[in-house]
């Protein structure tokens, strides 16, 4: 069983929502759509489901062209961030509804509803209506309804956003296992790189309706093919610095010289862009090979356990992710430290030239 998008595009008026997307998703696989708001994740899911047709291209399921087949004739389950339940039905009946439509026997309906309710902590609420539930409980009801359907294709559009932290962490672990065991193709949309990494599987990064890269999640994270992918798969976004490569050394317009590690040393001379993640830019020197960079504090966001320190260096603005509370005044001169072993190198057009060794890129 497979789902294939073949050069799919979606154009509405003068706006291109999806541009020439080709993907192949296999049975039992977990596939994450990662991108910011309005990058095309929901539109792509709706095309997969048959809720709206592509402007061009084809959708193939098990080798058959289903491009024009409506959603009611496909074995698809979809859960949105904004949950959808039947307000007049009890939680039990909401979960059971796809089984009743399919004409399943009462004993099977009862066992499958109770199992889904157990997994999603809904057992005490089965006799309530959705209006008597919290937002998180309503979202769990929608997830349970998708679970009992035994769909071949399960589409989850930011489904855990309304849940509390503990349950969100539990379901991130459990949901992929549950749907994979049924042999379903699971597609999960998120704006959060950390969630993609926690889920694992495969990830497609989206930017303005285009899939910039698709592959095993850790491979995409460690080897982004270009600057756009690197920026999407980093939260806060990856920092960048223009430089010239000369004889295995990176020279910046501000006169900073960074000796490149062996992984980068064989690159040809020429213009390049250095990329480094916020958690690899430090406020104190950590390694003997680190290079100190003069900067100015722009603003500090304190979360408690961490501080996001925004700094300016020349014409660039960077973010350093520092552990603990750092109460720094805007305008304060500061020294930040960068380990050259952590650097990604991109060419002038933004394509990846070289990435850190696997242990350094983690």
Protein backbone atom coordinates (compact mmCIF):
# COMPACT_ATOMS: atom_id res chain seq x y z
CA UNK A 1 0.00 0.00 0.00
CA UNK A 2 1.37 3.42 -0.93
CA UNK A 3 0.29 7.00 -1.51
CA UNK A 4 2.04 8.90 -4.30
CA UNK A 5 1.74 12.58 -5.10
CA UNK A 6 2.90 13.10 -8.67
CA UNK A 7 3.84 16.73 -9.47
CA UNK A 8 0.81 18.06 -7.56
CA UNK A 9 0.06 21.80 -7.63
CA UNK A 10 -2.80 23.91 -6.27
CA UNK A 11 -3.43 27.41 -7.60
CA UNK A 12 -6.28 29.61 -6.34
CA UNK A 13 -6.67 32.81 -8.33
CA UNK A 14 -3.21 34.30 -8.51
CA UNK A 15 -1.97 32.48 -5.41
CA UNK A 16 0.02 29.26 -5.60
CA UNK A 17 -0.77 27.24 -2.48
CA UNK A 18 1.10 24.07 -3.53
CA UNK A 19 3.83 24.02 -6.18
CA UNK A 20 4.90 20.84 -8.01
CA UNK A 21 5.02 18.49 -5.00
CA UNK A 22 6.03 14.85 -5.53
CA UNK A 23 6.07 12.45 -2.56
CA UNK A 24 5.87 8.68 -2.09
CA UNK A 25 4.55 7.45 1.29
CA UNK A 26 4.58 3.77 2.27
CA UNK A 27 2.22 1.67 4.40
CA UNK A 28 3.01 1.75 8.13
CA UNK A 29 5.13 4.88 7.75
CA UNK A 30 5.05 8.06 9.83
CA UNK A 31 5.49 11.17 7.70
CA UNK A 32 5.81 14.65 9.19
CA UNK A 33 4.93 17.80 7.24
CA UNK A 34 7.06 20.51 8.85
CA UNK A 35 6.72 24.18 8.02
CA UNK A 36 5.53 27.54 9.31
CA UNK A 37 1.92 28.73 9.16
CA UNK A 38 0.74 29.18 5.53
CA UNK A 39 3.51 26.97 4.13
CA UNK A 40 0.91 24.64 2.56
CA UNK A 41 0.63 21.77 5.07
CA UNK A 42 -3.17 21.75 5.42
CA UNK A 43 -3.77 22.22 1.68
CA UNK A 44 -1.48 19.30 0.93
CA UNK A 45 -3.35 17.12 3.43
CA UNK A 46 -6.72 18.09 1.93
CA UNK A 47 -5.46 17.06 -1.51
CA UNK A 48 -4.25 13.72 -0.08
CA UNK A 49 -7.66 13.16 1.51
CA UNK A 50 -9.69 14.07 -1.57
CA UNK A 51 -11.31 17.06 0.13
CA UNK A 52 -10.13 19.26 -2.73
CA UNK A 53 -8.62 18.43 -6.12
CA UNK A 54 -5.18 19.59 -7.26
CA UNK A 55 -5.00 22.10 -10.09
CA UNK A 56 -2.48 19.81 -11.80
CA UNK A 57 -0.73 16.54 -11.07
CA UNK A 58 -2.03 13.19 -9.83
CA UNK A 59 -2.75 11.40 -6.56
CA UNK A 60 -2.12 7.64 -6.71
CA UNK A 61 -3.21 5.17 -4.02
CA UNK A 62 -1.99 1.58 -4.32
CA UNK A 63 -1.04 2.40 -7.89
CA UNK A 64 -4.54 3.62 -8.82
CA UNK A 65 -5.23 7.20 -9.85
CA UNK A 66 -7.66 8.61 -7.24
CA UNK A 67 -7.20 12.28 -8.15
CA UNK A 68 -10.90 12.86 -8.77
CA UNK A 69 -12.25 10.40 -6.18
CA UNK A 70 -14.12 12.25 -3.37
CA UNK A 71 -13.21 11.73 0.27
CA UNK A 72 -16.37 9.72 1.07
CA UNK A 73 -15.13 6.98 -1.30
CA UNK A 74 -11.68 6.80 0.31
CA UNK A 75 -10.65 5.09 3.54
CA UNK A 76 -9.28 8.26 5.13
CA UNK A 77 -9.36 9.71 8.64
CA UNK A 78 -8.42 13.34 9.32
CA UNK A 79 -8.09 15.26 12.58
CA UNK A 80 -7.57 19.03 12.65
CA UNK A 81 -6.10 21.24 15.36
CA UNK A 82 -9.60 22.72 15.63
CA UNK A 83 -11.46 19.57 16.65
CA UNK A 84 -14.73 18.60 14.94
CA UNK A 85 -17.31 16.52 16.85
CA UNK A 86 -21.06 15.93 16.58
CA UNK A 87 -22.49 18.19 19.34
CA UNK A 88 -25.75 16.25 19.80
CA UNK A 89 -24.04 12.87 20.25
CA UNK A 90 -22.35 11.47 23.34
CA UNK A 91 -18.61 10.90 23.36
CA UNK A 92 -19.29 7.17 22.91
CA UNK A 93 -21.47 7.80 19.86
CA UNK A 94 -19.00 10.29 18.39
CA UNK A 95 -16.26 7.68 18.54
CA UNK A 96 -18.56 4.93 17.27
CA UNK A 97 -19.99 6.94 14.35
CA UNK A 98 -17.62 5.71 11.58
CA UNK A 99 -18.18 2.10 12.70
CA UNK A 100 -21.95 2.50 12.61
CA UNK A 101 -21.74 4.00 9.11
CA UNK A 102 -19.65 1.00 8.06
CA UNK A 103 -22.30 -1.37 9.48
CA UNK A 104 -20.01 -3.09 11.99
CA UNK A 105 -21.66 -5.41 14.57
CA UNK A 106 -22.50 -4.01 18.01
CA UNK A 107 -19.97 -6.19 19.85
CA UNK A 108 -17.12 -4.98 17.62
CA UNK A 109 -18.22 -1.35 17.96
CA UNK A 110 -18.28 -1.60 21.73
CA UNK A 111 -14.85 -3.25 22.03
CA UNK A 112 -13.15 -0.84 19.64
CA UNK A 113 -14.73 2.25 21.22
CA UNK A 114 -13.73 1.12 24.71
CA UNK A 115 -10.16 0.39 23.60
CA UNK A 116 -9.82 3.84 21.96
CA UNK A 117 -11.34 5.49 25.03
CA UNK A 118 -8.84 3.70 27.26
CA UNK A 119 -5.86 4.78 25.15
CA UNK A 120 -7.03 8.40 25.08
CA UNK A 121 -8.14 8.63 28.73
CA UNK A 122 -11.82 9.13 27.83
CA UNK A 123 -13.47 6.29 29.77
CA UNK A 124 -15.08 8.53 32.45
CA UNK A 125 -16.55 10.84 29.79
CA UNK A 126 -18.26 8.44 27.38
CA UNK A 127 -21.79 9.51 28.35
CA UNK A 128 -21.10 13.24 28.12
CA UNK A 129 -21.71 15.42 25.06
CA UNK A 130 -18.85 17.44 23.50
CA UNK A 131 -20.22 20.68 24.99
CA UNK A 132 -19.59 19.23 28.47
CA UNK A 133 -15.90 18.62 27.68
CA UNK A 134 -12.79 20.75 27.81
CA UNK A 135 -11.00 21.59 24.57
CA UNK A 136 -8.40 18.92 25.19
CA UNK A 137 -11.07 16.29 25.89
CA UNK A 138 -12.89 17.21 22.67
CA UNK A 139 -9.64 16.85 20.72
CA UNK A 140 -9.08 13.42 22.26
CA UNK A 141 -12.59 12.44 21.17
CA UNK A 142 -11.78 13.41 17.58
CA UNK A 143 -8.53 11.40 17.76
CA UNK A 144 -10.38 8.38 19.13
CA UNK A 145 -12.88 8.54 16.25
CA UNK A 146 -9.99 8.52 13.77
CA UNK A 147 -8.39 5.62 15.63
CA UNK A 148 -11.41 3.28 15.49
CA UNK A 149 -11.94 3.90 11.79
CA UNK A 150 -8.94 1.74 10.83
CA UNK A 151 -8.28 4.05 7.90
CA UNK A 152 -5.56 3.32 5.36
CA UNK A 153 -4.53 6.99 5.42
CA UNK A 154 -4.57 9.00 8.66
CA UNK A 155 -4.00 12.76 8.45
CA UNK A 156 -3.31 14.65 11.69
CA UNK A 157 -3.12 18.43 11.30
CA UNK A 158 -1.38 19.77 14.45
CA UNK A 159 -3.62 17.44 16.50
CA UNK A 160 -1.96 17.82 19.91
CA UNK A 161 -1.78 21.61 20.11
CA UNK A 162 -4.77 21.89 22.47
CA UNK A 163 -3.65 19.18 24.91
CA UNK A 164 -1.78 19.58 28.18
CA UNK A 165 1.97 18.90 28.19
CA UNK A 166 1.90 15.47 29.86
CA UNK A 167 -0.78 14.01 27.60
CA UNK A 168 0.83 15.58 24.53
CA UNK A 169 4.11 13.81 25.35
CA UNK A 170 2.35 10.48 25.92
CA UNK A 171 0.38 10.67 22.67
CA UNK A 172 3.44 11.66 20.62
CA UNK A 173 4.87 8.31 21.65
CA UNK A 174 1.70 6.21 21.41
CA UNK A 175 -0.13 7.46 18.30
CA UNK A 176 2.58 6.53 15.74
CA UNK A 177 2.79 3.02 17.23
CA UNK A 178 -0.98 2.56 17.16
CA UNK A 179 -1.45 3.62 13.54
CA UNK A 180 1.73 1.88 12.31
CA UNK A 181 0.53 -1.40 13.85
CA UNK A 182 -2.62 -1.11 11.71
CA UNK A 183 -0.48 -0.61 8.58
CA UNK A 184 -1.83 2.90 8.00
CA UNK A 185 0.06 5.71 6.31
CA UNK A 186 0.28 8.40 8.98
CA UNK A 187 0.82 12.04 7.97
CA UNK A 188 1.35 14.50 10.81
CA UNK A 189 1.57 18.28 10.28
CA UNK A 190 3.43 20.53 12.70
CA UNK A 191 5.12 23.92 12.86
CA UNK A 192 7.58 22.72 15.53
CA UNK A 193 10.97 21.21 14.58
CA UNK A 194 11.25 19.71 18.06
CA UNK A 195 8.01 17.80 17.52
CA UNK A 196 9.27 16.41 14.20
CA UNK A 197 12.42 15.19 15.95
CA UNK A 198 10.42 13.62 18.77
CA UNK A 199 8.14 11.80 16.31
CA UNK A 200 10.98 10.54 14.09
CA UNK A 201 9.91 8.73 10.92
CA UNK A 202 10.24 10.81 7.75
CA UNK A 203 9.96 14.57 7.39
CA UNK A 204 9.02 16.79 4.46
CA UNK A 205 10.01 20.43 4.98
CA UNK A 206 7.70 22.98 3.33
CA UNK A 207 8.34 26.58 2.32
CA UNK A 208 5.72 28.63 0.46
CA UNK A 209 3.95 25.56 -0.90
CA UNK A 210 7.09 23.70 -2.00
CA UNK A 211 8.63 20.62 -0.43
CA UNK A 212 12.27 21.57 -0.07
CA UNK A 213 13.41 18.15 1.20
CA UNK A 214 11.95 14.76 2.15
CA UNK A 215 13.71 11.92 3.91
CA UNK A 216 14.40 10.28 7.24
CA UNK A 217 13.81 12.93 9.89
CA UNK A 218 17.29 12.86 11.41
CA UNK A 219 18.90 12.90 7.97
CA UNK A 220 16.96 16.03 6.97
CA UNK A 221 17.91 17.67 10.28
CA UNK A 222 21.59 16.78 9.98
CA UNK A 223 21.95 17.32 6.22
CA UNK A 224 19.54 20.08 5.10
CA UNK A 225 19.93 20.46 1.35
CA UNK A 226 19.71 24.25 1.44
CA UNK A 227 19.36 27.32 3.64
CA UNK A 228 15.55 27.31 3.48
CA UNK A 229 15.37 23.75 4.77
CA UNK A 230 17.91 24.54 7.48
CA UNK A 231 15.87 27.58 8.58
CA UNK A 232 12.60 25.59 8.65
CA UNK A 233 14.20 22.74 10.62
CA UNK A 234 15.57 24.92 13.43
CA UNK A 235 13.67 26.65 16.22
CA UNK A 236 14.70 29.39 16.68
CA UNK A 237 15.80 29.58 13.01
CA UNK A 238 19.39 28.85 12.08
CA UNK A 239 21.82 31.79 12.17
CA UNK A 240 23.70 32.76 9.00
CA UNK A 241 26.90 34.68 8.25
CA UNK A 242 28.39 35.52 4.86
CA UNK A 243 32.04 34.62 4.31
CA UNK A 244 34.73 33.84 1.74
CA UNK A 245 36.50 30.48 1.76
CA UNK A 246 40.25 30.79 1.21
CA UNK A 247 42.53 27.80 1.62
CA UNK A 248 40.42 26.01 4.22
CA UNK A 249 39.68 29.19 6.19
CA UNK A 250 36.43 31.20 6.34
CA UNK A 251 36.91 34.98 6.34
CA UNK A 252 33.96 37.24 7.19
CA UNK A 253 33.44 40.87 6.04
CA UNK A 254 34.02 41.94 9.65
CA UNK A 255 37.52 40.43 9.56
CA UNK A 256 36.78 37.30 11.56
CA UNK A 257 38.85 34.27 10.57
CA UNK A 258 37.46 30.78 11.27
CA UNK A 259 39.72 27.80 10.52
CA UNK A 260 37.51 25.10 9.01
CA UNK A 261 37.52 21.50 10.31
CA UNK A 262 38.62 18.60 8.07
CA UNK A 263 35.01 17.98 6.94
CA UNK A 264 35.01 21.43 5.28
CA UNK A 265 38.70 21.90 4.47
CA UNK A 266 38.59 20.42 0.95
CA UNK A 267 35.96 22.90 -0.29
CA UNK A 268 36.95 25.16 -3.18
CA UNK A 269 37.62 28.84 -2.56
CA UNK A 270 34.76 31.27 -3.11
CA UNK A 271 31.75 32.99 -1.58
CA UNK A 272 29.82 31.00 1.02
CA UNK A 273 27.31 31.31 3.85
CA UNK A 274 28.02 29.89 7.29
CA UNK A 275 25.06 28.41 9.18
CA UNK A 276 24.93 27.58 12.87
CA UNK A 277 22.05 26.73 15.18
CA UNK A 278 21.20 28.89 18.24
CA UNK A 279 22.21 26.10 20.64
CA UNK A 280 25.69 26.12 19.06
CA UNK A 281 26.27 29.84 19.72
CA UNK A 282 27.46 30.24 23.32
CA UNK A 283 27.85 33.12 25.76
CA UNK A 284 30.95 31.50 27.29
CA UNK A 285 33.88 29.70 25.67
CA UNK A 286 33.33 25.94 25.81
CA UNK A 287 36.04 24.52 23.53
CA UNK A 288 39.64 25.49 22.87
CA UNK A 289 38.86 25.81 19.17
CA UNK A 290 35.94 28.21 19.61
CA UNK A 291 36.13 31.62 17.95
CA UNK A 292 35.00 34.73 19.84
CA UNK A 293 32.70 37.13 17.96
CA UNK A 294 31.94 40.66 19.12
CA UNK A 295 28.20 41.39 19.23
CA UNK A 296 25.60 43.65 20.80
CA UNK A 297 22.56 42.50 22.78
CA UNK A 298 19.30 43.35 21.00
CA UNK A 299 16.73 41.67 23.26
CA UNK A 300 16.55 38.72 25.68
CA UNK A 301 13.62 36.30 25.96
CA UNK A 302 13.72 34.47 29.31
CA UNK A 303 11.72 31.25 29.59
CA UNK A 304 13.07 30.20 33.00
CA UNK A 305 15.25 27.21 32.21
CA UNK A 306 16.57 28.91 29.05
CA UNK A 307 17.18 32.35 27.62
CA UNK A 308 17.02 33.32 23.95
CA UNK A 309 19.64 36.04 23.58
CA UNK A 310 19.18 38.03 20.36
CA UNK A 311 22.39 39.76 19.29
CA UNK A 312 23.59 41.79 16.31
CA UNK A 313 26.96 41.29 14.63
CA UNK A 314 27.69 43.66 11.76
CA UNK A 315 24.58 43.54 9.59
CA UNK A 316 23.48 40.12 10.89
CA UNK A 317 21.07 39.32 13.72
CA UNK A 318 21.55 36.03 15.55
CA UNK A 319 19.97 34.12 18.41
CA UNK A 320 21.97 32.30 21.08
CA UNK A 321 20.17 29.67 23.16
CA UNK A 322 21.66 29.81 26.66
CA UNK A 323 20.75 27.66 29.66
CA UNK A 324 19.46 29.48 32.73
CA UNK A 325 18.41 33.10 33.23
CA UNK A 326 20.49 35.79 31.52
CA UNK A 327 19.26 39.29 32.31
CA UNK A 328 21.17 41.39 29.75
CA UNK A 329 20.31 44.96 28.84
CA UNK A 330 19.69 45.81 25.16
CA UNK A 331 22.69 47.65 23.71
CA UNK A 332 25.20 45.84 25.95
CA UNK A 333 28.38 44.72 24.14
CA UNK A 334 28.85 40.98 24.44
CA UNK A 335 31.18 38.25 23.21
CA UNK A 336 29.63 35.12 21.73
CA UNK A 337 31.54 31.94 20.95
CA UNK A 338 31.22 29.65 17.94
CA UNK A 339 32.86 26.26 17.45
CA UNK A 340 33.81 25.90 13.73
CA UNK A 341 33.07 22.17 13.97
CA UNK A 342 29.37 23.02 14.35
CA UNK A 343 29.16 25.08 11.15
CA UNK A 344 27.11 24.24 8.05
CA UNK A 345 28.45 25.68 4.79
CA UNK A 346 26.18 26.80 1.96
CA UNK A 347 27.14 28.24 -1.42
CA UNK A 348 26.14 31.73 -2.58
CA UNK A 349 22.88 30.29 -4.00
CA UNK A 350 21.98 28.71 -0.65
CA UNK A 351 22.73 25.05 -1.52
CA UNK A 352 24.48 22.90 1.08
CA UNK A 353 28.20 22.47 0.48
CA UNK A 354 29.15 20.65 3.66
CA UNK A 355 27.64 19.72 7.02
CA UNK A 356 29.23 18.96 10.38
CA UNK A 357 30.10 15.41 11.30
CA UNK A 358 27.01 13.56 12.57
CA UNK A 359 28.04 13.86 16.25
CA UNK A 360 28.61 17.61 15.89
CA UNK A 361 25.36 18.31 13.96
CA UNK A 362 23.15 16.74 16.62
